Amino acid sequence: MTDTGKNRIWVLADDRAGNVNQAIGIAEAMACPFERIDIAYGMAARLPNFVRRASLMGVAPRSRGRLHAPWPDLVIAAGRRTAPVARWIKKQSGGKTRLCQIMRPDGGEGDFDLIAVPAHDGVAPANNVLTIPGAPHRISEARLVLEGKAWRQRFKDMPAPRIALIIGGSTKKTRFTAEMAREVTQMALHAAGQSGGSLLVTTSRRTGQENESLIADYLEQADVPFHLHGWNSTGENPYFGYLALADILIVTGDSVSMCCEACAAPGGVYIYAPDGIAAPRHRRLHQTLLDRGYARLLAYGEAAGKAQMPDQIEAFAHPSLQPARLVAQRCLALIGE
């Protein structure tokens, strides 16, 4: 999107899709024109930010050519590696460019006009720090209405309640095991069977081929209507349709973004989080979502002192989780909109 209005807004977009979605989600929530500036890195980007400081160190030459005057009024960026670039832009503008950084910049915090951090990151309070209940995303209520209209006819034969099963997978610190794949699939099948409903199932790149095959086998063997979109499926991705149309959503607790996007949807959200699936910061996010009524717990391990299953998996009402909107409001104030 190209800026044609009073204020120039840049979104720094690197090779990490999760970070990019957070930054674009905030820009979209501002409802102002913005320009996406793609950033590619070299090896030096791995250096800590106290070395890179306010510079283009580690930015690939082809990306440096995109960074030139006229300088923007606002830069929105996410993640550690974009922070020195944002600081450099502010320096080139003579300090006029306002900076919104999502997540900790790991250095030069005073240069940022706004640092938006999820509550589960545990960042100390400061005048330029905004604590938000989860990660920003691009799932607005308006988008869900449009996606619901687009997909409703294709899922008209899936009996209610429709239960979306959103499956992540292994991370650098945790492993999504075959036992977890079996358990969460059987929990979803049991809930759909008990209620006379259907399943809408999607997997991710991190699920793994063996786990995907296991999940597909369990679905095929059960007497429950289902729609499966695996990671390697070639058809149009129905993920947003699932979010819009599901009465109940079961999401694995390994992904911050998946949990937060599910909590934007209207259906009742259950987080599947047995021992071993979630890092400590993910567990802190789960607790925030539980405490604020966005989600309910499907499973933690006995070691966590939690029940393994709720008495009943049922639809329930909750607020739409919209952290991007909270950040957008502060950004609009920064540029006088």
Protein backbone atom coordinates (compact mmCIF):
# COMPACT_ATOMS: atom_id res chain seq x y z
CA MET A 1 0.00 0.00 0.00
CA THR A 2 1.43 3.39 -0.93
CA ASP A 3 1.16 6.46 1.26
CA THR A 4 -0.86 9.23 -0.29
CA GLY A 5 -2.10 10.97 2.82
CA LYS A 6 -0.76 13.57 5.20
CA ASN A 7 1.44 11.20 7.15
CA ARG A 8 3.96 8.77 5.69
CA ILE A 9 3.90 5.42 7.47
CA TRP A 10 6.47 2.69 6.85
CA VAL A 11 6.18 -0.93 7.95
CA LEU A 12 9.54 -2.70 8.09
CA ALA A 13 8.99 -6.27 6.85
CA ASP A 14 11.75 -8.85 7.16
CA ASP A 15 11.85 -12.60 6.51
CA ARG A 16 9.94 -13.59 9.65
CA ALA A 17 6.29 -13.87 8.70
CA GLY A 18 5.05 -13.74 12.29
CA ASN A 19 6.79 -10.43 12.91
CA VAL A 20 5.55 -8.99 9.62
CA ASN A 21 1.94 -9.96 10.34
CA GLN A 22 2.10 -8.22 13.70
CA ALA A 23 3.45 -4.99 12.22
CA ILE A 24 1.02 -4.99 9.28
CA GLY A 25 -1.85 -5.81 11.64
CA ILE A 26 -1.16 -2.59 13.54
CA ALA A 27 -0.88 -0.55 10.34
CA GLU A 28 -4.17 -1.96 9.07
CA ALA A 29 -5.85 -1.22 12.40
CA MET A 30 -4.78 2.43 12.04
CA ALA A 31 -6.89 2.61 8.84
CA CYS A 32 -4.27 4.88 7.24
CA PRO A 33 -2.28 4.35 4.04
CA PHE A 34 1.14 2.76 4.66
CA GLU A 35 4.11 1.51 2.71
CA ARG A 36 5.71 -1.88 3.25
CA ILE A 37 9.53 -1.74 3.18
CA ASP A 38 11.02 -5.21 2.73
CA ILE A 39 14.26 -5.78 4.61
CA ALA A 40 16.75 -8.54 3.78
CA TYR A 41 19.75 -9.31 5.99
CA GLY A 42 23.33 -10.42 5.76
CA MET A 43 25.40 -12.29 8.33
CA ALA A 44 26.07 -9.19 10.46
CA ALA A 45 22.38 -9.04 11.43
CA ARG A 46 23.14 -11.87 13.84
CA LEU A 47 25.26 -9.53 15.94
CA PRO A 48 23.67 -8.24 19.15
CA ASN A 49 21.95 -4.89 18.97
CA PHE A 50 24.42 -3.21 21.31
CA VAL A 51 26.90 -3.70 18.46
CA ARG A 52 24.55 -2.77 15.59
CA ARG A 53 23.07 0.22 17.48
CA ALA A 54 21.33 2.80 15.19
CA SER A 55 22.73 1.56 11.89
CA LEU A 56 22.16 -0.49 8.74
CA MET A 57 24.79 -3.01 9.79
CA GLY A 58 23.62 -6.42 8.58
CA VAL A 59 21.08 -5.02 6.10
CA ALA A 60 21.54 -6.34 2.56
CA PRO A 61 22.55 -3.75 -0.09
CA ARG A 62 19.33 -4.18 -2.09
CA SER A 63 17.33 -3.27 1.01
CA ARG A 64 19.46 -0.25 1.85
CA GLY A 65 18.42 1.26 -1.47
CA ARG A 66 14.80 1.31 -0.30
CA LEU A 67 15.62 3.47 2.73
CA HIS A 68 15.85 7.08 1.65
CA ALA A 69 14.20 10.49 2.09
CA PRO A 70 11.55 11.68 2.31
CA TRP A 71 11.58 10.03 5.71
CA PRO A 72 8.35 8.70 7.21
CA ASP A 73 6.42 10.22 10.08
CA LEU A 74 6.02 6.78 11.66
CA VAL A 75 7.90 3.48 11.43
CA ILE A 76 6.22 0.28 12.65
CA ALA A 77 8.53 -2.71 13.07
CA ALA A 78 8.68 -5.97 14.98
CA GLY A 79 11.48 -8.13 16.30
CA ARG A 80 15.06 -7.56 17.41
CA ARG A 81 16.69 -7.35 13.98
CA THR A 82 14.54 -4.48 12.68
CA ALA A 83 15.19 -2.29 15.74
CA PRO A 84 18.61 -0.87 14.62
CA VAL A 85 17.11 -0.07 11.20
CA ALA A 86 14.23 1.83 12.78
CA ARG A 87 16.64 3.75 15.00
CA TRP A 88 18.79 4.62 11.95
CA ILE A 89 15.76 6.00 10.12
CA LYS A 90 14.90 8.20 13.09
CA LYS A 91 18.48 9.48 13.17
CA GLN A 92 18.40 10.33 9.45
CA SER A 93 15.15 12.26 9.93
CA GLY A 94 16.72 14.44 12.60
CA GLY A 95 14.58 12.77 15.26
CA LYS A 96 11.29 13.63 13.58
CA THR A 97 10.26 10.05 12.70
CA ARG A 98 8.25 8.36 15.44
CA LEU A 99 9.04 4.71 16.15
CA CYS A 100 6.66 1.94 17.20
CA GLN A 101 8.50 -1.29 17.99
CA ILE A 102 6.66 -4.54 18.67
CA MET A 103 8.44 -6.75 21.19
CA ARG A 104 11.64 -5.82 22.98
CA PRO A 105 14.18 -3.98 20.80
CA ASP A 106 17.11 -5.26 22.91
CA GLY A 107 18.92 -1.95 23.07
CA GLY A 108 18.29 1.76 22.61
CA GLU A 109 14.88 1.59 24.26
CA GLY A 110 14.88 5.36 24.79
CA ASP A 111 14.91 5.97 21.02
CA PHE A 112 11.49 4.36 20.62
CA ASP A 113 8.34 6.40 21.09
CA LEU A 114 6.30 3.27 21.70
CA ILE A 115 7.34 -0.29 22.57
CA ALA A 116 4.39 -2.69 22.47
CA VAL A 117 4.99 -5.90 24.41
CA PRO A 118 2.65 -8.77 25.30
CA ALA A 119 1.96 -9.14 29.00
CA HIS A 120 3.54 -12.61 29.00
CA ASP A 121 6.96 -11.11 28.11
CA GLY A 122 7.21 -9.54 31.57
CA VAL A 123 8.79 -6.24 30.48
CA ALA A 124 9.24 -3.61 33.20
CA PRO A 125 6.83 -0.65 33.00
CA ALA A 126 8.06 2.57 31.36
CA ASN A 127 6.51 5.69 29.84
CA ASN A 128 7.07 4.38 26.30
CA VAL A 129 6.03 0.78 27.02
CA LEU A 130 2.51 -0.44 26.24
CA THR A 131 1.61 -3.84 27.67
CA ILE A 132 -0.95 -5.70 25.56
CA PRO A 133 -2.84 -8.98 26.19
CA GLY A 134 -1.21 -11.08 23.47
CA ALA A 135 0.42 -10.61 20.08
CA PRO A 136 -1.01 -8.24 17.43
CA HIS A 137 -2.54 -9.93 14.39
CA ARG A 138 -4.59 -9.19 11.26
CA ILE A 139 -7.87 -10.92 12.24
CA SER A 140 -10.35 -8.07 12.65
CA GLU A 141 -14.08 -8.52 13.18
CA ALA A 142 -14.71 -7.05 9.72
CA ARG A 143 -12.38 -9.55 8.09
CA LEU A 144 -14.12 -12.41 9.88
CA VAL A 145 -17.49 -11.27 8.54
CA LEU A 146 -16.13 -11.23 4.98
CA GLU A 147 -14.40 -14.60 5.37
CA GLY A 148 -17.58 -16.09 6.81
CA LYS A 149 -19.54 -14.99 3.75
CA ALA A 150 -16.86 -16.37 1.43
CA TRP A 151 -16.72 -19.82 3.04
CA ARG A 152 -20.23 -20.38 4.42
CA GLN A 153 -21.60 -22.04 1.29
CA ARG A 154 -18.65 -24.43 1.06
CA PHE A 155 -19.19 -25.63 4.62
CA LYS A 156 -23.01 -25.61 4.58
CA ASP A 157 -23.18 -29.41 4.83
CA MET A 158 -20.94 -29.57 7.92
CA PRO A 159 -23.31 -30.03 10.88
CA ALA A 160 -23.17 -27.71 13.87
CA PRO A 161 -21.50 -27.29 16.17
CA ARG A 162 -18.51 -26.87 13.88
CA ILE A 163 -15.31 -27.48 15.82
CA ALA A 164 -12.10 -26.06 14.36
CA LEU A 165 -8.98 -28.01 15.33
CA ILE A 166 -5.94 -25.80 14.71
CA ILE A 167 -2.73 -27.80 15.07
CA GLY A 168 0.78 -26.36 15.31
CA GLY A 169 3.80 -28.49 16.03
CA SER A 170 7.35 -28.62 17.28
CA THR A 171 9.41 -25.50 18.01
CA LYS A 172 13.09 -24.91 18.75
CA LYS A 173 12.42 -25.57 22.43
CA THR A 174 9.49 -28.01 22.44
CA ARG A 175 8.41 -31.16 20.62
CA PHE A 176 4.94 -31.98 19.32
CA THR A 177 4.83 -35.74 19.75
CA ALA A 178 2.76 -38.43 18.10
CA GLU A 179 1.03 -38.93 21.46
CA MET A 180 0.02 -35.26 21.50
CA ALA A 181 -1.24 -35.50 17.90
CA ARG A 182 -3.29 -38.58 18.82
CA GLU A 183 -4.66 -37.09 22.04
CA VAL A 184 -5.79 -33.71 20.70
CA THR A 185 -7.37 -35.31 17.63
CA GLN A 186 -9.27 -37.82 19.75
CA MET A 187 -10.42 -35.06 22.11
CA ALA A 188 -11.81 -33.12 19.14
CA LEU A 189 -13.43 -36.24 17.67
CA HIS A 190 -15.01 -37.06 21.02
CA ALA A 191 -16.42 -33.52 21.35
CA ALA A 192 -17.82 -33.56 17.81
CA GLY A 193 -19.27 -37.06 18.27
CA GLN A 194 -20.93 -36.21 21.58
CA SER A 195 -22.52 -33.04 20.17
CA GLY A 196 -23.44 -34.37 16.71
CA GLY A 197 -21.16 -31.76 15.14
CA SER A 198 -18.29 -31.74 12.66
CA LEU A 199 -14.57 -30.98 12.54
CA LEU A 200 -12.62 -28.38 10.54
CA VAL A 201 -8.96 -29.42 10.85
CA THR A 202 -5.81 -27.61 9.76
CA THR A 203 -2.14 -28.37 10.38
CA SER A 204 1.02 -26.29 10.01
CA ARG A 205 4.52 -26.58 8.63
CA ARG A 206 5.71 -27.57 12.12
CA THR A 207 3.25 -30.46 12.56
CA GLY A 208 5.46 -32.91 10.66
CA GLN A 209 4.53 -35.45 7.99
CA GLU A 210 4.26 -38.41 10.38
CA ASN A 211 1.92 -36.54 12.70
CA GLU A 212 -0.14 -35.30 9.74
CA SER A 213 -0.58 -38.87 8.51
CA LEU A 214 -1.58 -40.02 11.99
CA ILE A 215 -4.15 -37.23 12.31
CA ALA A 216 -5.60 -38.02 8.88
CA ASP A 217 -5.88 -41.72 9.77
CA TYR A 218 -7.81 -40.99 12.97
CA LEU A 219 -10.19 -38.68 11.11
CA GLU A 220 -10.83 -41.25 8.37
CA GLN A 221 -11.55 -44.01 10.90
CA ALA A 222 -14.02 -41.97 12.95
CA ASP A 223 -17.72 -41.57 12.19
CA VAL A 224 -17.58 -37.76 12.31
CA PRO A 225 -17.94 -35.37 9.34
CA PHE A 226 -14.69 -33.47 8.81
CA HIS A 227 -12.80 -31.15 6.49
CA LEU A 228 -9.00 -31.43 6.58
CA HIS A 229 -6.56 -28.92 5.13
CA GLY A 230 -3.06 -30.24 5.69
CA TRP A 231 0.14 -28.26 5.30
CA ASN A 232 0.77 -29.82 1.87
CA SER A 233 -2.82 -29.45 0.65
CA THR A 234 -3.03 -27.77 -2.74
CA GLY A 235 -6.50 -26.25 -2.41
CA GLU A 236 -7.33 -22.77 -1.18
CA ASN A 237 -6.44 -22.40 2.48
CA PRO A 238 -9.68 -22.25 4.54
CA TYR A 239 -7.98 -21.10 7.76
CA PHE A 240 -9.77 -17.77 7.94
CA GLY A 241 -13.04 -19.47 7.05
CA TYR A 242 -12.49 -21.87 9.95
CA LEU A 243 -11.96 -18.93 12.32
CA ALA A 244 -15.07 -17.18 11.07
CA LEU A 245 -17.47 -20.14 11.08
CA ALA A 246 -16.37 -22.37 13.96
CA ASP A 247 -18.61 -22.55 17.01
CA ILE A 248 -15.71 -23.96 19.02
CA LEU A 249 -11.97 -23.72 18.40
CA ILE A 250 -9.35 -26.09 19.79
CA VAL A 251 -5.83 -24.72 19.31
CA THR A 252 -2.51 -26.24 20.32
CA GLY A 253 -0.61 -24.05 22.77
CA ASP A 254 2.77 -24.05 21.01
CA SER A 255 2.12 -20.88 19.00
CA VAL A 256 1.49 -17.39 20.37
CA SER A 257 0.04 -16.20 17.07
CA MET A 258 -2.34 -19.17 16.66
CA CYS A 259 -3.69 -18.75 20.19
CA CYS A 260 -4.20 -15.01 19.75
CA GLU A 261 -5.83 -15.35 16.31
CA ALA A 262 -8.20 -17.99 17.66
CA CYS A 263 -9.20 -15.64 20.48
CA ALA A 264 -10.14 -12.99 17.90
CA ALA A 265 -12.74 -15.37 16.46
CA PRO A 266 -16.30 -15.56 17.83
CA GLY A 267 -16.23 -19.26 18.73
CA GLY A 268 -15.35 -20.56 22.19
CA VAL A 269 -11.58 -21.22 22.41
CA TYR A 270 -9.91 -24.17 24.15
CA ILE A 271 -6.12 -24.29 24.42
CA TYR A 272 -4.54 -27.75 24.28
CA ALA A 273 -1.39 -27.46 26.37
CA PRO A 274 -0.09 -30.70 27.90
CA ASP A 275 3.32 -30.86 29.52
CA GLY A 276 6.09 -30.39 26.98
CA ILE A 277 4.17 -28.55 24.27
CA ALA A 278 4.70 -24.98 25.45
CA ALA A 279 7.66 -22.88 26.52
CA PRO A 280 7.34 -20.88 29.77
CA ARG A 281 6.43 -17.63 27.96
CA HIS A 282 3.67 -19.49 26.09
CA ARG A 283 2.29 -20.75 29.39
CA ARG A 284 2.24 -17.20 30.68
CA LEU A 285 0.26 -16.19 27.58
CA HIS A 286 -2.19 -19.04 28.18
CA GLN A 287 -2.74 -17.83 31.73
CA THR A 288 -3.38 -14.27 30.55
CA LEU A 289 -5.97 -15.49 28.05
CA LEU A 290 -7.61 -17.71 30.67
CA ASP A 291 -7.68 -15.00 33.34
CA ARG A 292 -9.26 -12.47 30.95
CA GLY A 293 -11.94 -14.85 29.71
CA TYR A 294 -10.71 -15.22 26.13
CA ALA A 295 -10.09 -18.98 26.37
CA ARG A 296 -10.48 -22.09 28.49
CA LEU A 297 -7.96 -24.80 29.19
CA LEU A 298 -8.28 -28.15 27.46
CA ALA A 299 -5.28 -29.89 28.96
CA TYR A 300 -2.23 -29.31 31.09
CA GLY A 301 -0.22 -32.10 32.63
CA GLU A 302 -0.82 -33.39 36.14
CA ALA A 303 2.48 -31.79 37.15
CA ALA A 304 0.95 -28.39 36.47
CA GLY A 305 -1.89 -29.16 38.88
CA LYS A 306 -4.56 -28.76 36.22
CA ALA A 307 -7.45 -30.95 35.20
CA GLN A 308 -6.89 -32.99 32.03
CA MET A 309 -10.30 -32.30 30.51
CA PRO A 310 -13.11 -29.83 31.14
CA ASP A 311 -16.45 -31.40 32.02
CA GLN A 312 -17.76 -30.38 28.62
CA ILE A 313 -16.36 -28.78 25.49
CA GLU A 314 -19.00 -26.24 24.56
CA ALA A 315 -19.43 -22.98 22.72
CA PHE A 316 -19.09 -19.88 24.87
CA ALA A 317 -18.99 -16.14 24.30
CA HIS A 318 -15.85 -14.08 24.86
CA PRO A 319 -14.47 -10.70 23.79
CA SER A 320 -12.60 -10.50 20.49
CA LEU A 321 -8.89 -10.26 21.27
CA GLN A 322 -7.62 -7.22 19.33
CA PRO A 323 -4.21 -6.13 20.64
CA ALA A 324 -3.32 -4.50 17.29
CA ARG A 325 -6.13 -2.02 17.84
CA LEU A 326 -4.70 -0.95 21.20
CA VAL A 327 -1.31 -0.27 19.63
CA ALA A 328 -2.88 1.47 16.63
CA GLN A 329 -4.66 3.94 18.90
CA ARG A 330 -1.35 4.93 20.49
CA CYS A 331 0.33 5.20 17.06
CA LEU A 332 -2.41 7.52 15.81
CA ALA A 333 -1.82 9.74 18.85
CA LEU A 334 1.91 9.84 18.09
CA ILE A 335 1.35 11.29 14.62
CA GLY A 336 -1.53 13.52 15.59
CA GLU A 337 -4.30 11.68 13.76
